[in-house]
Amino acid sequence: MQSMQQPITQAAYPYLLFLPQRYEEQSWPLILFLHGAGERGSDLNRVKQHGIAKLVEEQANFPFITVSPQCPQGQHWQVSLLSTLLDQVTQTYRVDPSRIYLTGLSMGGYGTWYLAAAQPQRFAAIAPICGGGNPKQACELKDLPVWAFHGARDRIVPLSETELMVKALEACGGNVKFTIYPEAGHNSWTQTYNNPDLYAWFLEHRSRLDSAQELRA
């Protein structure tokens, strides 16, 4: 029974790995979760404080492989290292390559926007939470389903950071949903990750690359 997260340290970033129950029986969707600035460091237990890494500690039946890397203290998420990590993970575990999802909170929300804009073909859908990106890159995401979240009372990362990305994406004809929590401050992730609708929405989507391969088959 794979209900406990395993620390994996020999990788581009050290990470926590969660494997679903009956993992060996099939291939699985993958969620790559990027934590916020407060969880940086060299102790992987810090990553369990919030978000997906916390959730799977409490839900042994979570139906996704989850990979929760840790960013070193004083650094920010780097696209090149996250890409290398994703290569390692997809080659090592029973990952369905058409169902790879990306999400993150705060600093990890920024990481989500930037990684997805750099490599949109790798993901089936993304969910950035209370983080911004570069609006000039938004059109790179126009074919990628996006569900963005932010608290209206956030004093750490202004709501405008997500609004700018959403507006730029809408201008490109992108497939974007935007949820604003009117009473939430910076912590807009707890109610987001506790909402089963997010995971159902993830599973509605498969990557464009997979669809192209199916058409050629």
Foldseek 3Di string as FASTA:
>chain_A
DQQAWDWDPPALFIKTKGAAPVQVPAAAAEEEEEEALVQAADDRVSQLPDDPNVVSNVPNHPGHIYIYGHHHHPDADDLVRVVRRVVVVVVPGRHDQFQYEYEYAHSSLQVQVVNCLVPVQRHFAYERELAAYDLVSLLSQQAHAYEYEYECAEPPRHPVRVVSSVVSSVVNNHNYHYYYHDPDYRPPRPVVRVDVVVVVVSVVTTGPVVVVVVVVD
